[in-house]
C-alpha atoms as a PDB file:
ATOM      1  CA  MET A   1     -51.655  79.897 -20.679  1.00  0.00           C
ATOM      2  CA  GLU A   2     -52.721  78.498 -23.497  1.00  0.00           C
ATOM      3  CA  LYS A   3     -49.701  76.851 -26.045  1.00  0.00           C
ATOM      4  CA  LYS A   4     -50.274  74.841 -29.579  1.00  0.00           C
ATOM      5  CA  PHE A   5     -47.680  72.456 -31.424  1.00  0.00           C
ATOM      6  CA  LYS A   6     -48.167  70.457 -34.661  1.00  0.00           C
ATOM      7  CA  HIS A   7     -50.008  67.747 -33.045  1.00  0.00           C
ATOM      8  CA  PHE A   8     -51.324  69.564 -29.747  1.00  0.00           C
ATOM      9  CA  LEU A   9     -53.057  72.064 -27.995  1.00  0.00           C
ATOM     10  CA  ILE A  10     -52.257  72.782 -24.026  1.00  0.00           C
ATOM     11  CA  LYS A  11     -54.018  74.668 -21.441  1.00  0.00           C
ATOM     12  CA  GLU A  12     -52.772  75.241 -18.507  1.00  0.00           C
ATOM     13  CA  SER A  13     -54.953  75.780 -14.697  1.00  0.00           C
ATOM     14  CA  GLU A  14     -53.063  75.752 -11.532  1.00  0.00           C
ATOM     15  CA  HIS A  15     -55.289  71.841 -11.168  1.00  0.00           C
ATOM     16  CA  MET A  16     -54.419  70.638 -13.567  1.00  0.00           C
ATOM     17  CA  ILE A  17     -52.627  70.639 -17.752  1.00  0.00           C
ATOM     18  CA  GLN A  18     -55.390  70.176 -19.909  1.00  0.00           C
ATOM     19  CA  ILE A  19     -53.870  68.258 -23.734  1.00  0.00           C
ATOM     20  CA  GLN A  20     -55.677  68.872 -26.605  1.00  0.00           C
ATOM     21  CA  PHE A  21     -54.153  66.455 -29.421  1.00  0.00           C
ATOM     22  CA  LEU A  22     -54.815  67.374 -32.749  1.00  0.00           C
ATOM     23  CA  PHE A  23     -54.420  64.680 -34.673  1.00  0.00           C
ATOM     24  CA  SER A  24     -56.712  61.428 -36.045  1.00  0.00           C
ATOM     25  CA  VAL A  25     -54.880  58.747 -36.023  1.00  0.00           C
ATOM     26  CA  VAL A  26     -51.363  57.953 -34.422  1.00  0.00           C
ATOM     27  CA  THR A  27     -48.323  57.611 -37.213  1.00  0.00           C
ATOM     28  CA  PRO A  28     -45.116  56.194 -35.775  1.00  0.00           C
ATOM     29  CA  GLU A  29     -44.258  60.224 -35.723  1.00  0.00           C
ATOM     30  CA  ILE A  30     -46.005  61.346 -33.636  1.00  0.00           C
ATOM     31  CA  GLU A  31     -46.371  57.934 -31.887  1.00  0.00           C
ATOM     32  CA  GLN A  32     -42.510  59.550 -30.492  1.00  0.00           C
ATOM     33  CA  GLU A  33     -43.746  62.754 -29.863  1.00  0.00           C
ATOM     34  CA  ILE A  34     -46.399  61.032 -27.708  1.00  0.00           C
ATOM     35  CA  ASN A  35     -44.770  59.572 -26.040  1.00  0.00           C
ATOM     36  CA  GLY A  36     -41.538  62.085 -25.249  1.00  0.00           C
ATOM     37  CA  PHE A  37     -44.627  65.061 -24.747  1.00  0.00           C
ATOM     38  CA  LEU A  38     -46.106  63.727 -21.656  1.00  0.00           C
ATOM     39  CA  THR A  39     -42.981  62.188 -19.875  1.00  0.00           C
ATOM     40  CA  THR A  40     -41.480  65.163 -19.959  1.00  0.00           C
ATOM     41  CA  LEU A  41     -44.997  66.356 -18.310  1.00  0.00           C
ATOM     42  CA  TYR A  42     -45.181  63.286 -15.549  1.00  0.00           C
ATOM     43  CA  PHE A  43     -41.750  64.716 -14.406  1.00  0.00           C
ATOM     44  CA  GLY A  44     -42.444  68.480 -15.198  1.00  0.00           C
ATOM     45  CA  VAL A  45     -45.537  68.673 -13.041  1.00  0.00           C
ATOM     46  CA  ARG A  46     -47.470  67.862 -10.284  1.00  0.00           C
ATOM     47  CA  THR A  47     -50.793  68.341 -11.482  1.00  0.00           C
ATOM     48  CA  ASN A  48     -53.780  66.548 -12.789  1.00  0.00           C
ATOM     49  CA  ILE A  49     -53.331  65.209 -16.709  1.00  0.00           C
ATOM     50  CA  SER A  50     -55.775  65.505 -18.604  1.00  0.00           C
ATOM     51  CA  LEU A  51     -56.269  64.469 -22.391  1.00  0.00           C
ATOM     52  CA  ASP A  52     -58.770  66.000 -24.957  1.00  0.00           C
ATOM     53  CA  LEU A  53     -59.211  63.266 -27.695  1.00  0.00           C
ATOM     54  CA  GLU A  54     -61.552  64.421 -30.298  1.00  0.00           C
ATOM     55  CA  GLU A  55     -60.457  64.903 -33.118  1.00  0.00           C
ATOM     56  CA  VAL A  56     -58.686  61.379 -32.936  1.00  0.00           C
ATOM     57  CA  ARG A  57     -60.658  58.734 -34.388  1.00  0.00           C
ATOM     58  CA  TYR A  58     -58.432  55.658 -33.258  1.00  0.00           C
ATOM     59  CA  LEU A  59     -55.610  54.638 -30.489  1.00  0.00           C
ATOM     60  CA  ASP A  60     -53.480  52.222 -31.455  1.00  0.00           C
ATOM     61  CA  LEU A  61     -52.356  49.103 -28.609  1.00  0.00           C
ATOM     62  CA  LYS A  62     -49.147  50.522 -28.607  1.00  0.00           C
ATOM     63  CA  THR A  63     -50.428  54.207 -27.655  1.00  0.00           C
ATOM     64  CA  THR A  64     -53.205  52.856 -25.283  1.00  0.00           C
ATOM     65  CA  THR A  65     -50.624  50.801 -23.539  1.00  0.00           C
ATOM     66  CA  TYR A  66     -48.221  53.652 -22.584  1.00  0.00           C
ATOM     67  CA  LEU A  67     -51.495  55.733 -21.253  1.00  0.00           C
ATOM     68  CA  MET A  68     -52.599  52.820 -18.955  1.00  0.00           C
ATOM     69  CA  GLY A  69     -49.131  52.916 -17.464  1.00  0.00           C
ATOM     70  CA  LEU A  70     -48.793  56.779 -17.560  1.00  0.00           C
ATOM     71  CA  ALA A  71     -51.970  56.883 -15.824  1.00  0.00           C
ATOM     72  CA  ARG A  72     -51.171  53.914 -13.537  1.00  0.00           C
ATOM     73  CA  GLU A  73     -48.016  56.183 -12.622  1.00  0.00           C
ATOM     74  CA  LEU A  74     -49.347  59.066 -11.679  1.00  0.00           C
ATOM     75  CA  SER A  75     -51.929  57.284  -9.573  1.00  0.00           C
ATOM     76  CA  LEU A  76     -48.451  56.592  -7.368  1.00  0.00           C
ATOM     77  CA  SER A  77     -48.001  59.750  -7.118  1.00  0.00           C
ATOM     78  CA  LYS A  78     -51.607  61.152  -6.263  1.00  0.00           C
ATOM     79  CA  ARG A  79     -52.680  62.269  -9.140  1.00  0.00           C
ATOM     80  CA  LYS A  80     -54.908  61.263 -12.589  1.00  0.00           C
ATOM     81  CA  LEU A  81     -55.102  60.968 -15.990  1.00  0.00           C
ATOM     82  CA  ILE A  82     -58.480  62.123 -17.657  1.00  0.00           C
ATOM     83  CA  ILE A  83     -59.319  60.910 -21.064  1.00  0.00           C
ATOM     84  CA  ILE A  84     -62.104  63.314 -22.528  1.00  0.00           C
ATOM     85  CA  ASN A  85     -64.147  62.181 -25.515  1.00  0.00           C
ATOM     86  CA  ALA A  86     -62.319  59.284 -25.675  1.00  0.00           C
ATOM     87  CA  PRO A  87     -62.908  56.619 -28.729  1.00  0.00           C
ATOM     88  CA  LEU A  88     -65.354  54.171 -28.536  1.00  0.00           C
ATOM     89  CA  SER A  89     -62.427  51.750 -29.409  1.00  0.00           C
ATOM     90  CA  LEU A  90     -60.341  52.593 -26.002  1.00  0.00           C
ATOM     91  CA  SER A  91     -63.733  53.667 -23.554  1.00  0.00           C
ATOM     92  CA  ARG A  92     -64.518  49.490 -24.208  1.00  0.00           C
ATOM     93  CA  PHE A  93     -61.550  48.992 -24.193  1.00  0.00           C
ATOM     94  CA  LEU A  94     -60.966  50.324 -20.599  1.00  0.00           C
ATOM     95  CA  LYS A  95     -63.727  49.378 -18.954  1.00  0.00           C
ATOM     96  CA  THR A  96     -62.943  45.802 -19.875  1.00  0.00           C
ATOM     97  CA  LEU A  97     -60.733  45.799 -18.208  1.00  0.00           C
ATOM     98  CA  GLU A  98     -61.514  48.190 -15.007  1.00  0.00           C
ATOM     99  CA  ILE A  99     -58.897  50.499 -15.066  1.00  0.00           C
ATOM    100  CA  ASN A 100     -61.312  53.322 -14.017  1.00  0.00           C
ATOM    101  CA  LYS A 101     -59.556  53.731 -10.610  1.00  0.00           C
ATOM    102  CA  PHE A 102     -56.043  54.870 -12.693  1.00  0.00           C
ATOM    103  CA  VAL A 103     -58.471  56.498 -15.217  1.00  0.00           C
ATOM    104  CA  SER A 104     -60.794  59.200 -14.969  1.00  0.00           C
ATOM    105  CA  LEU A 105     -63.051  58.906 -18.593  1.00  0.00           C
END
C-alpha cells in the first residue's frame, strides 16, 4: 500500500515501512512533521523503518540527532532504522561516530 503526504511518501510491506522524504532542506514546519510522524510510527508499528533521503540535500544537526535517538530506540526493541541515499554529510557523520550498530546505511 502506498500513501502520499505533503512531505512524505509511505510504502508499507509485511516486514518494513518505507518512507521517502519529499523535501530538500528541513524547515521548522518539516522538522515538526518529521518528529510527530516518526514518533507515531515508532509506537504504531512493530517493523523496521526505512528512510529514503534521495531528495534531501542537507539535514540539520537537530534532525540528525532526532534520527539517531529514534534509531537507538528501535534498536532497543529489536528493530532497525535503515537510511537509503543519505546526504554525504550525514553518511560521514554516522561513519565518524561509528553509529552503524544502530543505523544501517
